[in-house]
Amino acid sequence: MKEEKEPEFDNWRDAWNYHAVKQSKDYNSLSEKKLLKLIENKEWDTFYTIWDAIKKKGTIKRSSWILYNVLVEETKEWADLIRHHCAEALFTILGIEDMKDFREHCHIDLGDRPESLEKLKQIIEEKLK
C-alpha cells in the first residue's frame, strides 16, 4: 500500500487543520469502547478531536463517568482545553447543551467548581436511573 506523502504547509493553521482532519477520521472510525479506553489512558490528541468523536458516539451509560472523571482529575492549569472539550462532549451526551454557564463552572475554576461538579454528578446519576 502506498503511503500518502504529507503536504508542505505555508503556515501553522493549514498544518493544524490537515492533521486535525486526519486524526478526526481515525477517531471517527473507532467504537465508543475504544475511544473511552484511549480517554481513560489519557491518550487524547493535541487537536482535541477525540472529544468530537466521543460526543458523536458516546452514550450516557458508558461515557458519562469516564468523562466526568476527566473533569475531576485533570486539575492542572494547562489542562483547561482538555476539560473544556471534555465538558462539551459530556454535556452533549447528557442532552444538556443549553447549560453553557454551568458547563463553564464545571471545567474552569470560577470559585465554585467543586459544587458544580457535585451538581453534575447528581445530573449523571439522575440520567442513569
Protein backbone atom coordinates (compact mmCIF):
# COMPACT_ATOMS: atom_id res chain seq x y z
CA MET A 1 0.00 0.00 0.00
CA LYS A 2 1.35 3.39 -0.98
CA GLU A 3 1.84 5.77 1.94
CA GLU A 4 0.38 9.23 1.49
CA LYS A 5 3.03 11.93 1.35
CA GLU A 6 2.39 14.74 3.78
CA PRO A 7 1.99 18.07 2.01
CA GLU A 8 4.12 21.10 2.83
CA PHE A 9 2.40 23.96 4.59
CA ASP A 10 2.83 27.73 4.36
CA ASN A 11 1.55 28.34 7.88
CA TRP A 12 0.77 26.57 11.13
CA ARG A 13 -3.02 26.87 10.70
CA ASP A 14 -3.03 24.85 7.48
CA ALA A 15 -0.81 22.22 9.08
CA TRP A 16 -3.02 22.10 12.18
CA ASN A 17 -6.19 21.69 10.11
CA TYR A 18 -4.64 18.98 7.93
CA HIS A 19 -3.55 16.91 10.93
CA ALA A 20 -6.76 17.54 12.86
CA VAL A 21 -8.90 16.30 9.96
CA LYS A 22 -6.68 13.24 9.57
CA GLN A 23 -6.85 12.46 13.31
CA SER A 24 -10.59 13.06 13.35
CA LYS A 25 -11.12 10.47 10.60
CA ASP A 26 -9.11 7.95 12.60
CA TYR A 27 -11.11 8.56 15.78
CA ASN A 28 -14.44 8.51 13.96
CA SER A 29 -13.63 5.01 12.73
CA LEU A 30 -13.32 3.72 16.31
CA SER A 31 -16.06 2.33 18.52
CA GLU A 32 -17.23 4.05 21.68
CA LYS A 33 -15.46 1.39 23.72
CA LYS A 34 -12.10 2.02 22.02
CA LEU A 35 -12.47 5.79 22.29
CA LEU A 36 -13.23 5.51 26.00
CA LYS A 37 -10.20 3.27 26.53
CA LEU A 38 -8.00 5.93 24.92
CA ILE A 39 -9.58 8.62 27.09
CA GLU A 40 -9.13 6.53 30.25
CA ASN A 41 -5.47 6.06 29.33
CA LYS A 42 -5.12 9.81 28.70
CA GLU A 43 -4.21 9.15 25.08
CA TRP A 44 -6.05 12.15 23.71
CA ASP A 45 -4.72 14.10 20.76
CA THR A 46 -3.28 17.59 20.61
CA PHE A 47 -6.05 18.59 18.18
CA TYR A 48 -8.84 17.73 20.66
CA THR A 49 -10.67 15.70 18.00
CA ILE A 50 -11.17 12.70 20.28
CA TRP A 51 -13.77 14.76 22.14
CA ASP A 52 -15.78 15.35 18.95
CA ALA A 53 -15.68 11.63 18.20
CA ILE A 54 -16.91 10.61 21.65
CA LYS A 55 -19.52 13.37 21.53
CA LYS A 56 -20.96 11.66 18.43
CA LYS A 57 -20.62 8.05 19.62
CA GLY A 58 -20.85 8.34 23.37
CA THR A 59 -23.76 7.00 25.37
CA ILE A 60 -24.85 8.14 28.80
CA LYS A 61 -24.42 4.66 30.21
CA ARG A 62 -20.86 4.04 29.02
CA SER A 63 -19.32 7.50 28.65
CA SER A 64 -20.67 9.66 31.46
CA TRP A 65 -18.48 8.55 34.36
CA ILE A 66 -15.31 8.31 32.30
CA LEU A 67 -15.73 11.87 31.02
CA TYR A 68 -16.78 13.08 34.46
CA ASN A 69 -13.59 11.60 35.91
CA VAL A 70 -11.51 13.53 33.37
CA LEU A 71 -13.17 16.76 34.54
CA VAL A 72 -12.47 15.90 38.17
CA GLU A 73 -8.93 14.54 37.80
CA GLU A 74 -7.40 16.89 35.22
CA THR A 75 -6.81 19.84 37.52
CA LYS A 76 -3.61 21.30 36.09
CA GLU A 77 -3.89 24.77 34.59
CA TRP A 78 -2.51 23.53 31.26
CA ALA A 79 -5.43 21.06 31.05
CA ASP A 80 -8.02 23.84 30.56
CA LEU A 81 -8.67 22.94 26.93
CA ILE A 82 -8.89 19.24 27.73
CA ARG A 83 -11.53 19.97 30.37
CA HIS A 84 -13.33 22.39 28.05
CA HIS A 85 -13.68 19.87 25.22
CA CYS A 86 -14.42 17.01 27.61
CA ALA A 87 -17.19 19.02 29.28
CA GLU A 88 -18.68 19.94 25.92
CA ALA A 89 -18.75 16.27 24.92
CA LEU A 90 -20.23 15.17 28.25
CA PHE A 91 -22.94 17.83 28.25
CA THR A 92 -23.87 16.88 24.68
CA ILE A 93 -24.09 13.20 25.60
CA LEU A 94 -26.24 14.09 28.63
CA GLY A 95 -28.51 16.24 26.46
CA ILE A 96 -27.88 19.42 28.45
CA GLU A 97 -26.21 21.56 25.81
CA ASP A 98 -28.22 24.65 26.81
CA MET A 99 -26.39 24.99 30.16
CA LYS A 100 -23.26 26.75 28.88
CA ASP A 101 -22.68 28.82 32.03
CA PHE A 102 -22.97 25.73 34.23
CA ARG A 103 -20.64 23.82 31.90
CA GLU A 104 -18.02 26.55 32.27
CA HIS A 105 -18.24 26.29 36.07
CA CYS A 106 -17.53 22.56 35.74
CA HIS A 107 -14.36 22.96 33.70
CA ILE A 108 -13.00 26.34 34.85
CA ASP A 109 -12.34 27.16 38.49
CA LEU A 110 -14.61 30.16 38.99
CA GLY A 111 -14.73 29.67 42.74
CA ASP A 112 -17.48 27.06 42.75
CA ARG A 113 -16.04 24.22 40.67
CA PRO A 114 -16.39 21.55 43.41
CA GLU A 115 -20.07 22.44 43.89
CA SER A 116 -20.65 22.48 40.14
CA LEU A 117 -19.02 19.07 39.73
CA GLU A 118 -21.20 17.72 42.54
CA LYS A 119 -24.30 19.06 40.76
CA LEU A 120 -23.08 17.46 37.52
CA LYS A 121 -22.60 14.17 39.38
CA GLN A 122 -26.22 14.35 40.54
CA ILE A 123 -27.38 15.02 36.96
CA ILE A 124 -25.49 11.96 35.71
CA GLU A 125 -26.94 9.80 38.48
CA GLU A 126 -30.45 11.02 37.62
CA LYS A 127 -29.95 10.37 33.89
CA LEU A 128 -28.72 6.83 34.61
CA LYS A 129 -31.84 5.88 36.60
